[in-house]
């Protein structure tokens, strides 16, 4: 399943390298993953919004964040239209990759083992997102 809404933020590889830190580039543009329990936003409990570190697209609300115990920030739901969901067979098993719908940046994966009411666990790399505290 692919969900795409809105206009794409297109940049070439050189532009992305200039804009992003090396870790952000590895995750967002090369589909990398940060080590579990190392992300800056893992334990964030403040109220606000989580945005794409590549383009600023609003992705998740703090009310949907939960501690999954997996080592990555986890969310039960995304802002409607903010994500692309793509099949991922890179580890020899089927997973669902999560990308930003605006810039196509890799954010993580979504699993069907989250809490109700959605049953979803959006498992997201801290380096791929920013946090904006409510004012």
Foldseek 3Di string as FASTA:
>chain_A
DWFADDAADDDDLVVQPVQADPVLCCCFVVVDADDAQPAPCLPDQFFFFKAFSRPRQTWAGSVQWDNPVGRAIKGLDIDPNQWTWDWDCPPVDTWIWIAGNHHRTTFATKDQCDDPPRSIIGGGHNSRIDTDGDD
